[in-house]
Amino acid sequence: MRTFIAIILIAAGIGLIWHGFQVRNSLKGKAQEAGSELHQSLNGNSSVTDATWFFVGGGVIVIAGVATAVKR
């Protein structure tokens, strides 16, 4: 059962990372990156795009799946 959960978590994490790539390469993603760069040049603070959240969330879920798989 634990192996099944680990496989599901890893697949879901990879899916989120893939979706992050799709969002980053879309028109919305390009607009968010341009807005983020403009925001950073005006304020000095960087803003996080949607694609970045997908990458971080997918990475965390993949790590959780791998940890579940190797846990004894």
Protein backbone atom coordinates (compact mmCIF):
# COMPACT_ATOMS: atom_id res chain seq x y z
CA MET A 1 0.00 0.00 0.00
CA ARG A 2 2.85 2.39 0.84
CA THR A 3 4.45 1.72 -2.54
CA PHE A 4 1.19 2.57 -4.31
CA ILE A 5 0.93 5.87 -2.40
CA ALA A 6 4.56 6.68 -3.20
CA ILE A 7 3.99 6.07 -6.91
CA ILE A 8 0.87 8.27 -6.86
CA LEU A 9 2.75 11.07 -5.08
CA ILE A 10 5.69 10.92 -7.49
CA ALA A 11 3.37 10.91 -10.51
CA ALA A 12 1.37 13.85 -9.13
CA GLY A 13 4.57 15.80 -8.45
CA ILE A 14 5.87 15.16 -11.95
CA GLY A 15 2.49 16.24 -13.31
CA LEU A 16 2.67 19.53 -11.41
CA ILE A 17 6.20 20.17 -12.64
CA TRP A 18 5.09 19.44 -16.22
CA HIS A 19 2.14 21.81 -15.78
CA GLY A 20 4.58 24.45 -14.50
CA PHE A 21 6.54 24.18 -17.74
CA GLN A 22 3.32 24.53 -19.72
CA VAL A 23 2.28 27.62 -17.75
CA ARG A 24 5.72 29.19 -18.04
CA ASN A 25 5.72 28.81 -21.83
CA SER A 26 2.17 30.12 -22.28
CA LEU A 27 1.17 33.71 -22.98
CA LYS A 28 0.01 34.09 -19.38
CA GLY A 29 3.38 32.87 -18.13
CA LYS A 30 5.29 35.28 -20.35
CA ALA A 31 3.10 38.15 -19.11
CA GLN A 32 3.65 37.16 -15.48
CA GLU A 33 7.43 37.00 -15.98
CA ALA A 34 7.41 40.46 -17.59
CA GLY A 35 5.26 41.80 -14.75
CA SER A 36 7.55 40.22 -12.19
CA GLU A 37 10.61 41.80 -13.78
CA LEU A 38 8.89 45.19 -13.91
CA HIS A 39 7.81 44.85 -10.28
CA GLN A 40 11.37 43.98 -9.27
CA SER A 41 12.86 46.92 -11.16
CA LEU A 42 10.42 49.37 -9.56
CA ASN A 43 10.34 48.09 -5.98
CA GLY A 44 13.40 45.91 -5.65
CA ASN A 45 11.16 43.09 -4.44
CA SER A 46 10.66 40.04 -6.57
CA SER A 47 7.23 38.52 -7.06
CA VAL A 48 6.64 34.83 -7.60
CA THR A 49 4.91 33.61 -10.76
CA ASP A 50 2.38 30.79 -10.94
CA ALA A 51 4.89 28.57 -12.73
CA THR A 52 7.30 28.89 -9.80
CA TRP A 53 4.59 27.70 -7.40
CA PHE A 54 3.94 24.68 -9.63
CA PHE A 55 7.67 23.85 -9.68
CA VAL A 56 8.03 24.17 -5.91
CA GLY A 57 4.84 22.24 -5.15
CA GLY A 58 5.72 19.49 -7.61
CA GLY A 59 9.21 19.19 -6.18
CA VAL A 60 7.91 18.92 -2.62
CA ILE A 61 5.40 16.24 -3.62
CA VAL A 62 8.06 14.25 -5.51
CA ILE A 63 10.36 14.39 -2.48
CA ALA A 64 7.48 13.24 -0.25
CA GLY A 65 6.82 10.34 -2.63
CA VAL A 66 10.45 9.29 -2.67
CA ALA A 67 10.63 9.56 1.12
CA THR A 68 7.51 7.41 1.40
CA ALA A 69 9.02 4.83 -0.96
CA VAL A 70 12.33 4.49 0.92
CA LYS A 71 10.86 4.66 4.44
CA ARG A 72 11.09 1.35 6.26
